[in-house]
Protein backbone atom coordinates (compact mmCIF):
# COMPACT_ATOMS: atom_id res chain seq x y z
CA MET A 1 -70.91 47.50 39.47
CA SER A 2 -67.10 47.43 39.54
CA SER A 3 -67.15 43.85 38.33
CA THR A 4 -69.46 44.84 35.46
CA LEU A 5 -67.10 47.61 34.42
CA LEU A 6 -64.13 45.25 34.49
CA LYS A 7 -65.88 42.77 32.24
CA GLU A 8 -66.87 45.37 29.71
CA ALA A 9 -63.46 47.09 29.59
CA PRO A 10 -61.72 46.55 26.19
CA ALA A 11 -58.30 44.76 25.97
CA PRO A 12 -55.34 47.11 25.84
CA PRO A 13 -53.91 47.52 22.36
CA ALA A 14 -50.81 45.47 21.61
CA GLY A 15 -47.59 47.44 21.71
CA PRO A 16 -44.44 47.17 19.52
CA ALA A 17 -43.00 44.50 21.83
CA GLY A 18 -46.10 42.31 21.42
CA ARG A 19 -46.03 42.65 17.63
CA ALA A 20 -42.31 41.69 17.61
CA ARG A 21 -43.01 38.58 19.67
CA SER A 22 -45.83 37.63 17.33
CA ARG A 23 -43.54 38.01 14.30
CA ARG A 24 -40.86 35.87 15.95
CA ARG A 25 -43.41 33.13 16.68
CA ARG A 26 -44.61 33.15 13.09
CA GLY A 27 -40.96 33.09 11.88
CA ARG A 28 -40.20 30.09 14.05
CA ALA A 29 -43.28 28.29 12.80
CA VAL A 30 -42.31 28.92 9.17
CA ALA A 31 -38.71 27.80 9.87
CA VAL A 32 -39.91 24.58 11.49
CA LEU A 33 -42.26 23.98 8.56
CA PHE A 34 -39.41 24.32 6.04
CA ALA A 35 -37.02 22.25 8.16
CA LEU A 36 -39.55 19.49 8.79
CA PRO A 37 -38.72 17.39 5.66
CA ALA A 38 -35.02 17.54 6.50
CA LEU A 39 -35.72 16.65 10.13
CA LEU A 40 -37.84 13.68 9.03
CA LEU A 41 -35.05 12.47 6.74
CA LEU A 42 -32.48 12.98 9.49
CA GLY A 43 -34.59 10.97 11.90
CA ALA A 44 -35.20 8.16 9.40
CA LEU A 45 -31.63 7.91 8.09
CA VAL A 46 -29.56 8.80 11.18
CA VAL A 47 -31.43 8.85 14.49
CA TYR A 48 -33.50 5.68 13.97
CA PRO A 49 -30.53 3.54 12.71
CA VAL A 50 -28.40 4.70 15.64
CA LEU A 51 -31.09 3.87 18.21
CA PHE A 52 -31.87 0.57 16.50
CA SER A 53 -28.17 -0.41 16.43
CA VAL A 54 -27.78 0.42 20.12
CA GLY A 55 -30.79 -1.75 20.98
CA ARG A 56 -29.74 -4.56 18.61
CA SER A 57 -26.29 -4.72 20.22
CA PHE A 58 -27.89 -6.16 23.39
CA PHE A 59 -29.35 -9.19 21.56
CA ASP A 60 -27.84 -12.39 20.19
CA ALA A 61 -27.03 -13.17 16.55
CA SER A 62 -30.64 -14.06 15.70
CA GLY A 63 -32.05 -11.03 17.55
CA SER A 64 -34.45 -13.16 19.59
CA ARG A 65 -32.62 -13.42 22.93
CA PHE A 66 -31.45 -10.57 25.16
CA VAL A 67 -27.77 -11.05 26.09
CA GLY A 68 -27.00 -7.74 27.77
CA GLY A 69 -23.37 -6.70 27.44
CA ASP A 70 -22.13 -10.07 26.15
CA ASN A 71 -21.55 -8.69 22.67
CA TYR A 72 -19.36 -5.92 24.03
CA THR A 73 -17.40 -8.43 26.11
CA GLU A 74 -16.96 -10.73 23.13
CA MET A 75 -15.92 -7.80 20.97
CA PHE A 76 -12.84 -7.15 23.08
CA ARG A 77 -11.99 -10.84 23.35
CA ASP A 78 -12.03 -11.45 19.60
CA PRO A 79 -8.46 -11.29 18.11
CA ALA A 80 -9.83 -10.02 14.78
CA THR A 81 -11.58 -7.12 16.51
CA LEU A 82 -8.46 -6.25 18.50
CA LYS A 83 -6.48 -6.22 15.25
CA ALA A 84 -9.14 -3.97 13.71
CA VAL A 85 -8.81 -1.58 16.67
CA ARG A 86 -5.01 -1.58 16.27
CA ASN A 87 -5.23 -0.91 12.54
CA THR A 88 -7.77 1.86 13.09
CA ALA A 89 -5.38 3.46 15.58
CA ILE A 90 -2.61 3.31 12.97
CA TRP A 91 -4.90 4.98 10.45
CA VAL A 92 -5.90 7.72 12.91
CA VAL A 93 -2.30 8.49 13.87
CA VAL A 94 -0.63 8.24 10.45
CA ALA A 95 -3.06 9.24 7.70
CA PRO A 96 -4.40 12.59 9.03
CA ALA A 97 -0.91 13.73 10.07
CA LEU A 98 0.59 12.89 6.67
CA LEU A 99 -2.31 14.45 4.79
CA THR A 100 -2.23 17.66 6.83
CA GLY A 101 1.55 17.93 6.40
CA LEU A 102 1.42 17.24 2.65
CA GLY A 103 -1.48 19.62 2.21
CA LEU A 104 0.38 22.39 4.06
CA ILE A 105 3.60 21.91 2.07
CA LEU A 106 1.81 21.75 -1.27
CA ALA A 107 -0.40 24.75 -0.46
CA VAL A 108 2.68 26.86 0.36
CA LEU A 109 4.61 25.68 -2.71
CA VAL A 110 1.69 26.08 -5.11
CA GLU A 111 1.53 29.78 -4.24
CA LYS A 112 4.98 30.22 -5.75
CA ILE A 113 4.33 28.68 -9.20
CA ARG A 114 2.69 30.29 -12.22
CA TRP A 115 0.18 27.55 -13.04
CA ALA A 116 -1.18 27.23 -9.52
CA THR A 117 -4.81 26.68 -10.59
CA ALA A 118 -3.92 23.87 -12.99
CA PHE A 119 -1.73 22.22 -10.37
CA LYS A 120 -4.50 22.39 -7.77
CA LEU A 121 -6.93 20.92 -10.29
CA LEU A 122 -4.64 17.97 -10.97
CA LEU A 123 -4.18 17.24 -7.26
CA PHE A 124 -7.89 17.63 -6.54
CA MET A 125 -9.03 15.39 -9.40
CA PRO A 126 -8.74 12.10 -7.39
CA MET A 127 -11.53 13.43 -5.15
CA ALA A 128 -13.85 13.03 -8.14
CA VAL A 129 -12.99 9.32 -8.35
CA SER A 130 -15.10 6.98 -6.23
CA PHE A 131 -13.39 4.92 -3.57
CA LEU A 132 -14.48 1.80 -5.46
CA ALA A 133 -12.74 2.89 -8.66
CA ALA A 134 -9.67 4.09 -6.75
CA GLY A 135 -9.48 0.77 -4.93
CA ILE A 136 -9.56 -1.17 -8.19
CA VAL A 137 -6.86 1.07 -9.69
CA PHE A 138 -4.54 0.60 -6.71
CA ARG A 139 -5.28 -3.12 -6.46
CA LEU A 140 -3.88 -3.39 -10.00
CA ALA A 141 -1.00 -1.00 -9.30
CA TYR A 142 0.04 -3.05 -6.25
CA ASP A 143 -0.14 -6.39 -8.11
CA GLU A 144 2.89 -8.55 -7.34
CA ASP A 145 3.30 -9.63 -10.97
CA PRO A 146 5.64 -7.05 -12.61
CA ASP A 147 3.77 -7.56 -15.89
CA LYS A 148 0.58 -6.24 -14.23
CA GLY A 149 1.56 -4.06 -11.27
CA VAL A 150 3.13 -0.77 -12.29
CA LEU A 151 4.90 -0.31 -8.95
CA ASN A 152 6.60 -3.69 -9.06
CA ALA A 153 7.46 -3.15 -12.72
CA ALA A 154 9.37 -0.01 -11.70
CA VAL A 155 11.00 -1.71 -8.69
CA VAL A 156 12.10 -4.71 -10.77
CA SER A 157 13.49 -2.46 -13.50
CA VAL A 158 15.60 -0.51 -11.01
CA HIS A 159 16.74 -3.67 -9.22
CA ASP A 160 17.77 -5.42 -12.44
CA ALA A 161 19.57 -2.31 -13.67
CA PHE A 162 21.92 -2.39 -10.66
CA THR A 163 21.98 -6.05 -9.62
CA GLY A 164 21.25 -7.96 -12.79
CA THR A 165 19.31 -11.21 -13.01
CA SER A 166 19.99 -14.86 -13.72
CA ALA A 167 19.47 -16.02 -17.31
CA TYR A 168 18.80 -19.65 -16.28
CA PRO A 169 16.32 -19.77 -13.37
CA THR A 170 14.80 -23.05 -14.62
CA ALA A 171 18.04 -24.86 -15.54
CA ARG A 172 18.97 -28.09 -13.75
CA ALA A 173 21.48 -30.87 -14.17
CA ARG A 174 20.52 -34.10 -15.91
CA GLU A 175 20.60 -36.97 -13.43
CA GLY A 176 23.31 -39.58 -13.79
CA GLN A 177 25.62 -37.42 -15.91
CA GLY A 178 28.26 -36.59 -13.31
CA ILE A 179 26.71 -33.41 -11.85
CA THR A 180 24.93 -33.27 -8.47
CA ALA A 181 22.80 -30.59 -6.86
CA ALA A 182 24.12 -29.18 -3.57
CA PRO A 183 21.89 -28.05 -0.65
CA ASP A 184 22.70 -24.37 -1.36
CA GLY A 185 21.24 -24.59 -4.88
CA SER A 186 24.54 -24.92 -6.72
CA TYR A 187 25.67 -27.81 -8.92
CA ARG A 188 29.07 -29.50 -8.77
CA THR A 189 30.90 -32.42 -10.35
CA ASP A 190 30.62 -35.79 -8.62
CA THR A 191 34.33 -36.51 -8.90
CA ALA A 192 37.38 -34.31 -8.44
CA VAL A 193 39.32 -33.25 -11.53
CA THR A 194 42.95 -32.17 -11.96
CA PRO A 195 44.38 -29.35 -14.07
CA GLY A 196 44.93 -30.35 -17.69
CA GLU A 197 41.55 -32.07 -17.94
CA THR A 198 38.48 -30.98 -19.92
CA VAL A 199 35.03 -30.96 -18.25
CA THR A 200 31.63 -31.05 -19.94
CA LEU A 201 28.69 -29.85 -17.85
CA GLY A 202 25.35 -30.61 -19.44
CA LEU A 203 22.15 -28.94 -18.20
CA VAL A 204 18.49 -29.27 -19.12
CA GLY A 205 15.33 -27.32 -18.32
CA VAL A 206 16.04 -24.34 -20.59
CA LEU A 207 13.81 -23.80 -23.60
CA PRO A 208 15.74 -23.02 -26.79
CA LYS A 209 13.73 -19.80 -27.18
CA ASP A 210 14.91 -18.67 -23.72
CA LEU A 211 18.62 -18.89 -24.56
CA PRO A 212 20.46 -15.57 -24.46
CA ASP A 213 20.97 -13.77 -27.76
CA GLY A 214 24.25 -14.71 -29.34
CA ALA A 215 24.45 -18.25 -27.92
CA GLU A 216 26.58 -20.44 -30.21
CA PRO A 217 26.86 -24.23 -30.70
CA ALA A 218 28.80 -25.91 -27.89
CA SER A 219 30.50 -28.34 -30.26
CA ARG A 220 33.03 -25.65 -31.17
CA ALA A 221 34.45 -25.70 -27.63
CA ALA A 222 34.19 -29.43 -26.94
CA GLY A 223 37.47 -31.33 -26.91
CA ALA A 224 39.73 -28.28 -26.46
CA GLU A 225 42.97 -29.18 -24.73
CA ALA A 226 43.86 -27.60 -21.38
CA ALA A 227 47.27 -26.50 -20.16
CA ALA A 228 48.89 -28.14 -17.14
CA ASP A 229 47.74 -25.40 -14.73
CA GLU A 230 44.21 -24.91 -16.00
CA LEU A 231 40.86 -26.60 -16.34
CA ARG A 232 38.90 -26.17 -19.54
CA GLY A 233 35.39 -27.21 -20.37
CA VAL A 234 31.98 -26.29 -21.68
CA VAL A 235 28.57 -25.71 -20.11
CA TYR A 236 25.89 -26.63 -22.63
CA LEU A 237 22.21 -27.39 -23.06
CA ASP A 238 22.05 -31.19 -23.22
CA PHE A 239 19.07 -31.16 -25.55
CA THR A 240 18.93 -31.49 -29.33
CA PRO A 241 16.03 -29.59 -30.98
CA GLY A 242 13.87 -32.00 -32.95
CA GLY A 243 15.11 -35.05 -31.06
CA GLY A 244 18.12 -37.30 -31.40
CA GLY A 245 21.51 -36.77 -29.85
CA ARG A 246 23.14 -38.58 -26.95
CA GLN A 247 22.76 -37.70 -23.28
CA GLY A 248 25.92 -36.52 -21.60
CA GLN A 249 27.73 -35.77 -24.86
CA VAL A 250 28.02 -32.54 -26.80
CA ASP A 251 26.17 -32.99 -30.11
CA ALA A 252 26.51 -30.76 -33.15
CA ARG A 253 23.20 -28.95 -32.71
CA GLU A 254 23.36 -28.43 -28.95
CA SER A 255 23.90 -24.87 -27.78
CA GLY A 256 26.37 -23.55 -25.26
CA LEU A 257 25.12 -21.61 -22.21
CA PRO A 258 26.90 -18.23 -22.17
CA GLU A 259 27.33 -15.83 -19.22
CA MET A 260 27.33 -18.59 -16.62
CA THR A 261 29.77 -18.46 -13.69
CA VAL A 262 32.00 -21.51 -13.18
CA GLU A 263 34.31 -22.04 -10.19
CA ALA A 264 37.12 -24.40 -9.26
CA VAL A 265 36.74 -25.31 -5.57
CA ARG A 266 39.36 -26.86 -3.29
CA ASP A 267 38.84 -27.52 0.43
CA GLY A 268 35.65 -25.48 0.35
CA LYS A 269 37.36 -22.38 -1.06
CA THR A 270 37.14 -20.94 -4.57
CA ALA A 271 40.54 -21.26 -6.27
CA ALA A 272 39.54 -19.86 -9.67
CA SER A 273 36.47 -18.46 -11.37
CA ALA A 274 35.44 -17.81 -14.97
CA THR A 275 32.41 -16.84 -17.05
CA THR A 276 31.34 -18.94 -20.02
CA ALA A 277 31.71 -17.56 -23.52
CA ALA A 278 29.03 -17.49 -26.23
CA ASP A 279 29.64 -21.19 -26.98
CA GLY A 280 29.57 -22.12 -23.26
CA SER A 281 33.36 -22.63 -23.01
CA PHE A 282 35.36 -21.62 -19.94
CA ARG A 283 38.96 -21.64 -18.67
CA LEU A 284 39.96 -21.85 -15.01
CA THR A 285 43.59 -20.78 -14.85
CA GLY A 286 46.31 -20.43 -12.22
CA LEU A 287 45.63 -23.79 -10.58
CA ASP A 288 48.04 -26.09 -8.78
CA ALA A 289 48.96 -28.84 -11.24
CA ASP A 290 49.33 -31.43 -8.45
CA ALA A 291 46.01 -30.67 -6.74
CA SER A 292 42.49 -31.87 -7.45
CA TYR A 293 39.42 -29.62 -7.67
CA THR A 294 35.66 -29.75 -7.82
CA VAL A 295 34.03 -27.74 -10.59
CA ARG A 296 31.01 -25.84 -9.32
CA LEU A 297 28.19 -23.87 -10.91
CA PRO A 298 27.17 -21.38 -8.15
CA ALA A 299 23.54 -21.03 -7.10
CA ALA A 300 23.48 -17.45 -8.44
CA ASN A 301 23.36 -18.93 -11.96
CA PHE A 302 19.96 -20.43 -11.18
CA ALA A 303 18.43 -17.75 -8.95
CA ALA A 304 14.79 -17.01 -9.57
CA PRO A 305 14.18 -13.57 -11.11
CA TYR A 306 13.44 -10.73 -8.70
CA ASP A 307 9.67 -10.26 -8.59
CA GLY A 308 9.56 -7.03 -6.62
CA ILE A 309 7.88 -6.20 -3.32
CA SER A 310 4.82 -7.89 -1.87
CA TRP A 311 2.87 -4.67 -1.43
CA LEU A 312 -0.29 -6.50 -0.41
CA GLY A 313 1.40 -8.97 1.90
CA PRO A 314 0.61 -9.05 5.64
CA ALA A 315 3.46 -6.68 6.51
CA LEU A 316 2.77 -3.88 4.00
CA VAL A 317 -0.93 -4.09 3.21
CA THR A 318 -1.99 -1.35 5.69
CA PRO A 319 0.71 1.16 4.59
CA ALA A 320 -0.17 0.38 0.96
CA ILE A 321 -3.85 1.17 1.53
CA ILE A 322 -2.94 4.34 3.43
CA GLY A 323 -0.88 5.34 0.37
CA ALA A 324 -3.97 5.00 -1.82
CA TYR A 325 -5.93 7.08 0.69
CA LEU A 326 -3.26 9.81 0.56
CA TRP A 327 -3.53 9.92 -3.23
CA ILE A 328 -7.26 10.62 -2.97
CA TRP A 329 -7.35 13.12 -0.10
CA THR A 330 -4.15 15.16 -0.49
CA GLY A 331 -5.89 17.56 -2.89
CA PHE A 332 -8.70 18.10 -0.37
CA ALA A 333 -6.26 19.04 2.39
CA MET A 334 -4.25 21.27 0.04
CA VAL A 335 -7.30 23.23 -1.14
CA LEU A 336 -8.62 23.86 2.38
CA ILE A 337 -5.23 24.91 3.72
CA GLY A 338 -4.65 27.00 0.59
CA ALA A 339 -7.91 28.85 1.29
CA GLY A 340 -6.68 29.61 4.80
CA LEU A 341 -3.32 30.65 3.42
CA ALA A 342 -4.99 33.18 1.13
CA THR A 343 -6.50 34.98 4.16
CA LEU A 344 -3.19 35.51 5.97
CA PRO A 345 -2.18 39.15 6.47
CA ARG A 346 0.43 39.87 3.81
CA ASP A 347 1.83 42.80 5.74
CA ALA A 348 3.05 40.45 8.49
CA LEU A 349 4.85 38.29 5.93
CA GLU A 350 6.39 41.28 4.17
CA ALA A 351 7.48 42.82 7.49
CA ALA A 352 9.24 39.56 8.38
CA ARG A 353 11.04 39.56 5.02
CA MET A 354 12.13 43.15 5.52
CA ASP A 355 13.49 42.22 8.94
CA GLY A 356 15.74 39.63 7.28
CA ALA A 357 13.82 36.44 7.96
CA ASN A 358 14.31 33.69 5.36
CA GLU A 359 11.45 31.65 3.89
CA TRP A 360 11.92 28.74 6.31
CA GLN A 361 11.74 31.07 9.32
CA ILE A 362 8.65 32.77 7.90
CA PHE A 363 7.02 29.39 7.30
CA ARG A 364 7.84 28.01 10.75
CA ARG A 365 7.24 31.10 12.91
CA ILE A 366 4.51 33.00 11.06
CA THR A 367 2.69 30.88 8.48
CA VAL A 368 2.17 27.74 10.58
CA PRO A 369 1.06 29.56 13.79
CA LEU A 370 -1.41 31.72 11.84
CA LEU A 371 -2.76 28.64 10.04
CA ALA A 372 -3.11 26.62 13.26
CA PRO A 373 -6.95 26.91 13.41
CA VAL A 374 -7.29 25.76 9.78
CA LEU A 375 -4.78 22.95 10.26
CA THR A 376 -6.67 21.75 13.34
CA VAL A 377 -10.00 21.68 11.48
CA VAL A 378 -8.45 19.78 8.55
CA PHE A 379 -6.76 17.31 10.88
CA VAL A 380 -9.89 16.59 12.93
CA THR A 381 -12.03 16.30 9.79
CA LEU A 382 -9.61 13.72 8.40
CA VAL A 383 -9.59 11.85 11.72
CA ILE A 384 -13.37 11.50 11.48
CA ASN A 385 -13.05 10.36 7.88
CA VAL A 386 -10.38 7.71 8.44
CA MET A 387 -12.34 6.16 11.30
CA LYS A 388 -15.05 5.33 8.77
CA VAL A 389 -12.80 4.11 5.95
CA PHE A 390 -14.22 0.94 4.44
CA ASP A 391 -14.15 0.84 0.63
CA LEU A 392 -10.39 1.00 0.10
CA VAL A 393 -9.62 -1.63 2.74
CA TYR A 394 -12.26 -4.03 1.47
CA ILE A 395 -11.31 -3.69 -2.20
CA ILE A 396 -7.51 -3.42 -2.11
CA ALA A 397 -6.71 -6.07 0.53
CA PRO A 398 -6.78 -9.60 -1.00
CA GLY A 399 -8.80 -12.27 0.77
CA PRO A 400 -5.87 -14.01 2.51
CA VAL A 401 -4.71 -10.75 4.14
CA GLN A 402 -8.12 -9.18 4.66
CA GLU A 403 -7.88 -9.84 8.40
CA ASP A 404 -4.41 -8.23 8.56
CA ALA A 405 -5.75 -5.02 6.98
CA THR A 406 -9.18 -4.89 8.60
CA VAL A 407 -10.38 -1.77 10.41
CA LEU A 408 -13.46 -1.28 12.56
CA ALA A 409 -15.75 -0.43 9.63
CA THR A 410 -14.75 -3.50 7.61
CA GLN A 411 -14.82 -5.72 10.68
CA MET A 412 -18.34 -4.51 11.44
CA TRP A 413 -19.45 -5.44 7.92
CA LEU A 414 -17.65 -8.81 7.90
CA VAL A 415 -19.14 -9.79 11.26
CA SER A 416 -22.65 -8.71 10.28
CA PHE A 417 -22.96 -9.60 6.58
CA GLY A 418 -19.64 -10.94 5.25
CA GLY A 419 -19.97 -14.48 6.56
CA GLY A 420 -20.26 -13.94 10.30
CA ASN A 421 -24.03 -13.32 10.26
CA ASP A 422 -23.88 -12.03 13.83
CA GLN A 423 -25.64 -8.69 13.67
CA GLY A 424 -25.66 -8.39 17.45
CA LEU A 425 -21.86 -8.30 17.55
CA GLY A 426 -21.81 -6.17 14.40
CA SER A 427 -24.13 -3.64 16.06
CA ALA A 428 -21.81 -3.51 19.07
CA LEU A 429 -18.92 -2.73 16.74
CA GLY A 430 -21.03 0.00 15.13
CA VAL A 431 -21.74 1.54 18.54
CA LEU A 432 -18.03 1.45 19.38
CA LEU A 433 -17.23 3.22 16.10
CA LEU A 434 -19.88 5.84 16.85
CA LEU A 435 -18.45 6.46 20.32
CA LEU A 436 -14.98 6.95 18.82
CA VAL A 437 -16.22 9.39 16.17
CA VAL A 438 -18.47 11.53 18.39
CA PRO A 439 -15.68 13.29 20.38
CA ALA A 440 -13.94 14.38 17.17
CA MET A 441 -17.24 15.64 15.75
CA VAL A 442 -18.02 17.61 18.93
CA PHE A 443 -14.54 19.13 18.89
CA ASN A 444 -14.97 20.21 15.26
CA VAL A 445 -18.40 21.74 15.88
CA ARG A 446 -17.11 23.75 18.84
CA ARG A 447 -14.21 25.08 16.79
CA PHE A 448 -16.59 26.15 14.04
CA ARG A 449 -18.76 27.99 16.56
CA ARG A 450 -15.78 29.74 18.13
CA SER A 451 -14.51 30.81 14.72
CA GLN A 452 -17.94 32.26 13.85
CA ARG A 453 -17.99 34.27 17.10
């Protein structure tokens, strides 16, 4: 009878706690339903490639033979990979620190100008440019030819403004005419001459159109008599336009070579020096009438023009690419730090000013400590970003120095698809890059969670 009563007894009505649990279960089900497409995409585009790369890293280049950890061993024996690791370390140490510092300085300074919004817009605009386009722009800007590369054009202009340049980089002496090239690049007479003589120094290799403005015919200076304590002569272009003329002699239509340095040398020392006039004539005075001298045209007369700096050479290619990266990401760092700066308590800053603190003390002892959480997030975010840099390095670095500029991301691509065709080793490099990025990502996520709490 008691068992019959128990079976027929109705279920107790659900209370408020039961209804709340039911609503939570339905809410979770709806949330999972809405998140399912994103989870499927995440699995297909992130989780599956990561797991596949980890598995592929244990197979050979063809993917048909299991090699265990050989790819990881080979990775750290390969000089190119070790250079990629070194360059990646340089990127991680230099680029985020510079960007965070520049962003902090610009964010503080922008607050003090009237057109702050316009200035921020200008600095943030490079973020809208793709890395491909930015790489092409900087590849052109870094071009070694001053006629193409804007940086070298500026460097050459400044250099030539202070140092000057040779007007005759292609000039050379005609063989068999009494002038011989020296090992240091200068030219000198074959035989010694004594004061009172006249010397003619004929050169070739200069196009008439390349002569300096104001050059006059050399025939006006030829045959001038020299005093007993001086040497006179003429430096001329031993070439007659249109043909004709005689080699080694100054003809009527042959031009003098102005602004060329001429020296009288005795016992290896310069006894006198002069600069040629518009018609190529020169006078070397104050010489010993009883001595003999060699007339020399110094190598500086024939120095090649200054071509600027080899920005994309092996020594500077990594700093040059980091410079392009700074141009793109400085606006990003400035905007984030500026947002943190806007939340600082103004009363603390004003109290410091009333206590007599100057702007540098306020910046160093109040602004920077209060912005420390924001600065840390920006720095770690940039560390994650620079570990994955690929586009700029691949586009800006020319082929001959690609290995000198390579980082882990580019090395992974080169080994896998850029000629190496070893996707086992490339997958191992990808796993290494993932392992390096994960700690920074975990650190950033934890900081975000702590800031939310």
